[in-house]
Amino acid sequence: MYLQNCYKGKNDWYVYLIGVLVIMSFYFIGQLPLTGVIFYKMATTGGISEKQMTDFQNSMDFESLGISSNTGLILMILIFFFAMAGLMLALKIHHKKLVDLINSTGHIRFSRIFTGFAVWIVIGAVFEVVSYFLSPASYRFTFDFQKFIPLLIISCLMLPVQTSFEELFFRGYIMQGIYSRSRNILASLVVSSVLFALMHSANPEIAKFGYLPMMTYYFAAGLFLALVSIFDDGLELALGIHAATNIYGATILTYSGSVLQTDTVFKVETIDPWMMLGVFLISAVISILFFSRFYRWDMNNALNQKPEDPNV
């Protein structure tokens, strides 16, 4: 079981504390390019008004600051390049390899990443088509070829770094760290999902659609990805699903209030957050049922395993 990799290397509580501090430090350093560009705009364009800054913080629409949406996306993703570097350094401190966070086989199962990506895209597209026919007036066609092609390249090349960091950190590093202390799979699932939701608590969706529905959504998303990782004994499916979610949201469809304000093919002005949560939960159940049949999961056994420390 991949959680058993928590016993590899150095796993004292203070080593995990140092590791988290290193990762968070690199995450904050990664925000410096974005901060620098904003200060540069303030110095060269006569300043950014308080209203502009407030609008940007509430919407994450870089064009409100005179910054192109593609440049803004690059600056946002760069934060996670630094965070990934911090994670790699933390693993050095633990004397672990990156693959130790992914599975127990010693190699990455790339076919599962692509399967997770494809299945989640298909399910999402089906629900989107249904939604369009139920309420076509909600959708606005915003395709701009000159902006879309660079966006597509940026999204496909850079967004997987952001999504992979979140999976490696929450469903790998954090889940294994919690299991190393608690010896409890349920605790690993719940605590990592709560932390995943809290990390997204500053997203503009929270202010736009309400704390309760959106934090419930993020917790459910974290729990779903954690369960998939436990059932499949590895992160590959979760890596594919998470990449599909963000690439779809960055290139195909976004909505007012989303953290990803890019030049997508379609935009939706208003959404019902509870409906979005309901669609997500149905999609998650369908995915788990499909994967359980396709990969012959023994879900009950996966949740009740008690991997022991091989060093004892």
Protein backbone atom coordinates (compact mmCIF):
# COMPACT_ATOMS: atom_id res chain seq x y z
CA MET A 1 0.00 0.00 0.00
CA TYR A 2 1.39 3.40 -0.97
CA LEU A 3 0.67 4.87 2.48
CA GLN A 4 3.22 2.41 3.83
CA ASN A 5 5.87 4.49 2.10
CA CYS A 6 5.49 6.86 5.05
CA TYR A 7 7.89 4.55 6.87
CA LYS A 8 10.68 5.13 4.38
CA GLY A 9 13.41 7.61 5.25
CA LYS A 10 13.21 10.02 8.18
CA ASN A 11 9.70 10.48 9.54
CA ASP A 12 9.99 12.11 12.96
CA TRP A 13 7.34 14.76 13.63
CA TYR A 14 9.89 17.55 13.56
CA VAL A 15 11.13 16.42 10.13
CA TYR A 16 7.57 16.79 8.80
CA LEU A 17 7.34 20.19 10.48
CA ILE A 18 10.57 21.31 8.79
CA GLY A 19 9.33 19.90 5.49
CA VAL A 20 6.03 21.79 5.64
CA LEU A 21 7.83 25.02 6.56
CA VAL A 22 10.21 24.57 3.62
CA ILE A 23 7.35 23.95 1.20
CA MET A 24 5.32 26.91 2.49
CA SER A 25 8.39 29.15 2.31
CA PHE A 26 8.94 28.27 -1.34
CA TYR A 27 5.21 28.77 -1.98
CA PHE A 28 5.39 32.32 -0.64
CA ILE A 29 8.63 33.02 -2.54
CA GLY A 30 6.76 31.93 -5.66
CA GLN A 31 4.34 34.81 -5.16
CA LEU A 32 7.13 37.38 -5.58
CA PRO A 33 7.00 37.47 -9.42
CA LEU A 34 3.26 38.20 -9.29
CA THR A 35 3.76 40.84 -6.62
CA GLY A 36 6.63 42.36 -8.61
CA VAL A 37 4.52 42.65 -11.78
CA ILE A 38 1.71 44.33 -9.85
CA PHE A 39 4.14 46.85 -8.32
CA TYR A 40 5.66 47.43 -11.76
CA LYS A 41 2.21 48.20 -13.19
CA MET A 42 1.60 50.60 -10.31
CA ALA A 43 4.88 52.41 -11.01
CA THR A 44 4.55 52.64 -14.80
CA THR A 45 0.85 53.22 -15.44
CA GLY A 46 0.10 55.98 -12.98
CA GLY A 47 -0.84 53.59 -10.24
CA ILE A 48 -3.57 51.06 -9.53
CA SER A 49 -6.58 52.43 -7.70
CA GLU A 50 -7.88 50.89 -4.50
CA LYS A 51 -11.04 49.89 -6.38
CA GLN A 52 -9.01 48.13 -9.07
CA MET A 53 -7.07 46.18 -6.42
CA THR A 54 -10.27 45.27 -4.57
CA ASP A 55 -11.91 44.14 -7.81
CA PHE A 56 -8.85 42.04 -8.64
CA GLN A 57 -8.77 40.39 -5.21
CA ASN A 58 -12.47 39.57 -5.50
CA SER A 59 -12.38 38.32 -9.08
CA MET A 60 -8.75 37.34 -9.88
CA ASP A 61 -9.32 39.02 -13.25
CA PHE A 62 -5.84 40.23 -14.22
CA GLU A 63 -7.21 42.38 -17.02
CA SER A 64 -8.70 44.67 -14.36
CA LEU A 65 -5.06 45.57 -13.56
CA GLY A 66 -4.06 45.97 -17.20
CA ILE A 67 -2.35 42.55 -17.25
CA SER A 68 -3.33 40.03 -19.93
CA SER A 69 -5.15 36.96 -18.67
CA ASN A 70 -2.49 34.65 -20.15
CA THR A 71 0.31 36.53 -18.38
CA GLY A 72 -1.72 36.41 -15.18
CA LEU A 73 -2.18 32.66 -15.53
CA ILE A 74 1.57 32.16 -15.96
CA LEU A 75 2.28 34.25 -12.85
CA MET A 76 -0.24 32.22 -10.83
CA ILE A 77 1.16 28.88 -11.97
CA LEU A 78 4.76 29.99 -11.30
CA ILE A 79 3.87 29.94 -7.60
CA PHE A 80 3.47 26.18 -7.84
CA PHE A 81 6.75 25.70 -9.69
CA PHE A 82 8.43 27.17 -6.61
CA ALA A 83 6.21 25.09 -4.32
CA MET A 84 7.19 21.95 -6.24
CA ALA A 85 10.85 22.84 -5.77
CA GLY A 86 10.15 23.19 -2.05
CA LEU A 87 8.50 19.78 -1.99
CA MET A 88 11.51 18.21 -3.72
CA LEU A 89 13.80 19.78 -1.12
CA ALA A 90 11.55 18.51 1.69
CA LEU A 91 11.81 14.99 0.26
CA LYS A 92 15.59 15.32 0.34
CA ILE A 93 15.34 16.17 4.04
CA HIS A 94 13.16 13.06 4.53
CA HIS A 95 15.56 10.92 2.46
CA LYS A 96 12.65 9.95 0.19
CA LYS A 97 12.10 9.79 -3.57
CA LEU A 98 9.28 11.53 -5.42
CA VAL A 99 7.83 8.18 -6.49
CA ASP A 100 7.46 7.26 -2.80
CA LEU A 101 4.59 9.77 -2.65
CA ILE A 102 2.91 8.29 -5.73
CA ASN A 103 2.69 4.53 -5.27
CA SER A 104 4.38 1.45 -3.86
CA THR A 105 5.50 -0.03 -7.19
CA GLY A 106 8.61 2.11 -7.59
CA HIS A 107 7.54 3.46 -11.00
CA ILE A 108 4.84 5.85 -12.24
CA ARG A 109 1.87 4.22 -14.00
CA PHE A 110 1.39 6.84 -16.73
CA SER A 111 -1.50 4.99 -18.38
CA ARG A 112 -3.55 5.58 -15.24
CA ILE A 113 -2.87 9.33 -15.38
CA PHE A 114 -4.19 9.48 -18.94
CA THR A 115 -7.16 7.25 -18.05
CA GLY A 116 -8.11 9.47 -15.11
CA PHE A 117 -7.80 12.54 -17.32
CA ALA A 118 -9.91 11.08 -20.15
CA VAL A 119 -12.67 9.65 -17.94
CA TRP A 120 -13.12 12.91 -16.00
CA ILE A 121 -13.16 15.00 -19.20
CA VAL A 122 -15.82 12.76 -20.77
CA ILE A 123 -18.03 12.81 -17.67
CA GLY A 124 -17.65 16.57 -17.34
CA ALA A 125 -18.43 17.14 -21.02
CA VAL A 126 -21.60 15.03 -20.82
CA PHE A 127 -22.92 17.01 -17.86
CA GLU A 128 -21.95 20.26 -19.58
CA VAL A 129 -23.92 19.36 -22.70
CA VAL A 130 -26.94 18.50 -20.56
CA SER A 131 -26.58 21.80 -18.69
CA TYR A 132 -26.33 23.73 -21.96
CA PHE A 133 -29.54 22.27 -23.35
CA LEU A 134 -31.35 22.94 -20.07
CA SER A 135 -30.19 26.58 -19.95
CA PRO A 136 -28.53 27.73 -23.20
CA ALA A 137 -28.98 31.41 -22.31
CA SER A 138 -26.52 31.00 -19.42
CA TYR A 139 -23.66 30.26 -21.82
CA ARG A 140 -21.74 32.93 -23.70
CA PHE A 141 -19.45 31.98 -26.61
CA THR A 142 -16.19 33.90 -26.06
CA PHE A 143 -13.73 32.04 -28.29
CA ASP A 144 -10.82 34.18 -29.50
CA PHE A 145 -8.36 32.16 -31.61
CA GLN A 146 -5.37 34.48 -31.07
CA LYS A 147 -5.77 34.35 -27.30
CA PHE A 148 -6.90 30.74 -27.07
CA ILE A 149 -3.89 29.06 -28.71
CA PRO A 150 -1.34 30.56 -26.25
CA LEU A 151 -3.79 29.77 -23.42
CA LEU A 152 -4.03 26.15 -24.54
CA ILE A 153 -0.24 25.81 -24.68
CA ILE A 154 0.23 27.44 -21.27
CA SER A 155 -2.51 25.28 -19.73
CA CYS A 156 -1.25 21.97 -21.13
CA LEU A 157 2.41 22.63 -20.31
CA MET A 158 2.16 24.47 -16.98
CA LEU A 159 -1.12 23.63 -15.23
CA PRO A 160 -0.13 19.97 -14.67
CA VAL A 161 2.68 21.28 -12.43
CA GLN A 162 0.13 23.09 -10.26
CA THR A 163 -2.28 20.15 -10.08
CA SER A 164 0.54 17.64 -9.55
CA PHE A 165 1.94 19.68 -6.68
CA GLU A 166 -1.45 19.70 -4.94
CA GLU A 167 -1.83 15.95 -5.37
CA LEU A 168 1.71 15.15 -4.31
CA PHE A 169 1.42 17.44 -1.30
CA PHE A 170 -2.08 16.65 -0.02
CA ARG A 171 -2.71 13.08 -1.20
CA GLY A 172 0.96 12.09 -0.92
CA TYR A 173 3.04 14.03 1.58
CA ILE A 174 0.26 15.05 3.99
CA MET A 175 -1.69 11.78 3.89
CA GLN A 176 1.46 9.75 4.47
CA GLY A 177 2.56 12.10 7.23
CA ILE A 178 -0.78 11.82 9.03
CA TYR A 179 -0.78 8.04 8.63
CA SER A 180 2.75 7.80 10.04
CA ARG A 181 1.50 9.41 13.27
CA SER A 182 -2.07 8.09 13.50
CA ARG A 183 -1.88 4.64 11.84
CA ASN A 184 -5.46 5.43 10.76
CA ILE A 185 -6.59 5.62 7.10
CA LEU A 186 -9.81 7.47 7.96
CA ALA A 187 -7.85 10.19 9.77
CA SER A 188 -5.54 10.51 6.76
CA LEU A 189 -8.53 10.89 4.43
CA VAL A 190 -10.42 13.43 6.51
CA VAL A 191 -7.57 15.64 7.73
CA SER A 192 -5.93 15.89 4.29
CA SER A 193 -9.31 16.80 2.76
CA VAL A 194 -9.94 19.48 5.39
CA LEU A 195 -6.50 20.98 4.73
CA PHE A 196 -7.14 20.84 0.98
CA ALA A 197 -10.38 22.79 1.47
CA LEU A 198 -8.70 25.33 3.75
CA MET A 199 -5.99 25.97 1.16
CA HIS A 200 -8.75 27.05 -1.25
CA SER A 201 -10.58 29.19 1.32
CA ALA A 202 -9.07 32.39 -0.10
CA ASN A 203 -10.36 31.67 -3.62
CA PRO A 204 -12.82 34.25 -5.00
CA GLU A 205 -15.50 31.53 -5.31
CA ILE A 206 -15.87 31.63 -1.52
CA ALA A 207 -16.87 35.31 -1.47
CA LYS A 208 -18.97 34.97 -4.62
CA PHE A 209 -21.01 31.88 -3.79
CA GLY A 210 -20.76 31.49 -0.04
CA TYR A 211 -18.47 29.79 2.46
CA LEU A 212 -20.63 26.73 3.18
CA PRO A 213 -21.34 25.47 -0.36
CA MET A 214 -17.85 26.15 -1.70
CA MET A 215 -15.94 24.78 1.28
CA THR A 216 -18.19 21.71 1.15
CA TYR A 217 -17.32 21.41 -2.54
CA TYR A 218 -13.57 21.64 -1.91
CA PHE A 219 -13.73 19.19 0.98
CA ALA A 220 -15.72 16.75 -1.17
CA ALA A 221 -13.20 17.15 -4.01
CA GLY A 222 -10.30 16.46 -1.66
CA LEU A 223 -12.07 13.43 -0.15
CA PHE A 224 -12.93 12.05 -3.59
CA LEU A 225 -9.33 12.33 -4.81
CA ALA A 226 -8.06 10.82 -1.56
CA LEU A 227 -10.46 7.87 -1.82
CA VAL A 228 -9.47 7.24 -5.43
CA SER A 229 -5.81 7.23 -4.33
CA ILE A 230 -6.50 4.75 -1.52
CA PHE A 231 -8.62 2.45 -3.69
CA ASP A 232 -6.08 2.46 -6.54
CA ASP A 233 -3.07 2.34 -4.20
CA GLY A 234 -1.48 5.33 -5.86
CA LEU A 235 -1.92 8.92 -7.01
CA GLU A 236 -1.96 8.47 -10.77
CA LEU A 237 -5.73 8.56 -11.30
CA ALA A 238 -6.02 11.57 -9.00
CA LEU A 239 -3.21 13.30 -10.91
CA GLY A 240 -5.13 12.82 -14.16
CA ILE A 241 -8.51 13.87 -12.73
CA HIS A 242 -7.11 17.03 -11.12
CA ALA A 243 -5.28 18.02 -14.31
CA ALA A 244 -8.45 17.46 -16.34
CA THR A 245 -10.47 19.65 -13.97
CA ASN A 246 -8.14 22.63 -14.13
CA ILE A 247 -7.24 22.43 -17.81
CA TYR A 248 -10.96 22.20 -18.68
CA GLY A 249 -11.70 25.16 -16.40
CA ALA A 250 -8.87 27.22 -17.88
CA THR A 251 -9.55 26.53 -21.57
CA ILE A 252 -13.12 25.38 -22.20
CA LEU A 253 -15.42 26.99 -19.67
CA THR A 254 -15.08 29.39 -16.77
CA TYR A 255 -17.61 31.36 -14.78
CA SER A 256 -17.86 34.69 -13.02
CA GLY A 257 -16.17 34.30 -9.64
CA SER A 258 -13.86 31.46 -10.64
CA VAL A 259 -10.20 31.70 -9.65
CA LEU A 260 -9.40 30.94 -13.31
CA GLN A 261 -10.40 34.04 -15.29
CA THR A 262 -9.02 33.12 -18.71
CA ASP A 263 -10.06 33.46 -22.35
CA THR A 264 -12.04 30.22 -22.43
CA VAL A 265 -14.28 29.01 -25.25
CA PHE A 266 -17.40 29.60 -23.14
CA LYS A 267 -18.25 31.65 -20.08
CA VAL A 268 -21.16 31.31 -17.68
CA GLU A 269 -22.19 34.40 -15.77
CA THR A 270 -24.09 32.71 -12.95
CA ILE A 271 -24.01 29.26 -11.42
CA ASP A 272 -25.84 27.56 -8.58
CA PRO A 273 -23.09 26.38 -6.17
CA TRP A 274 -25.29 23.67 -4.66
CA MET A 275 -26.13 22.39 -8.13
CA MET A 276 -22.42 22.41 -8.98
CA LEU A 277 -21.74 20.39 -5.83
CA GLY A 278 -24.50 17.94 -6.72
CA VAL A 279 -23.15 17.42 -10.24
CA PHE A 280 -19.66 16.93 -8.82
CA LEU A 281 -20.85 14.28 -6.34
CA ILE A 282 -22.70 12.38 -9.08
CA SER A 283 -19.60 12.58 -11.31
CA ALA A 284 -17.42 11.32 -8.45
CA VAL A 285 -19.69 8.33 -7.80
CA ILE A 286 -19.80 7.45 -11.51
CA SER A 287 -15.99 7.69 -11.69
CA ILE A 288 -15.44 5.48 -8.67
CA LEU A 289 -17.89 2.88 -9.98
CA PHE A 290 -16.18 2.89 -13.38
CA PHE A 291 -12.66 2.69 -12.00
CA SER A 292 -13.63 -0.01 -9.48
CA ARG A 293 -14.86 -2.22 -12.33
CA PHE A 294 -12.07 -1.32 -14.75
CA TYR A 295 -9.25 -1.87 -12.24
CA ARG A 296 -11.04 -4.52 -10.13
CA TRP A 297 -10.74 -2.60 -6.87
CA ASP A 298 -11.39 -4.25 -3.54
CA MET A 299 -12.58 -1.03 -1.88
CA ASN A 300 -13.48 -2.56 1.47
CA ASN A 301 -10.08 -4.17 1.81
CA ALA A 302 -8.33 -0.96 0.76
CA LEU A 303 -10.05 1.03 3.53
CA ASN A 304 -9.36 -1.59 6.17
CA GLN A 305 -5.72 -2.33 5.46
CA LYS A 306 -3.31 -1.85 8.35
CA PRO A 307 0.13 -1.40 6.80
CA GLU A 308 2.75 -1.88 9.47
CA ASP A 309 6.17 -0.31 9.86
CA PRO A 310 8.58 -2.75 8.12
CA ASN A 311 11.40 -1.42 10.30
CA VAL A 312 9.81 -2.67 13.52
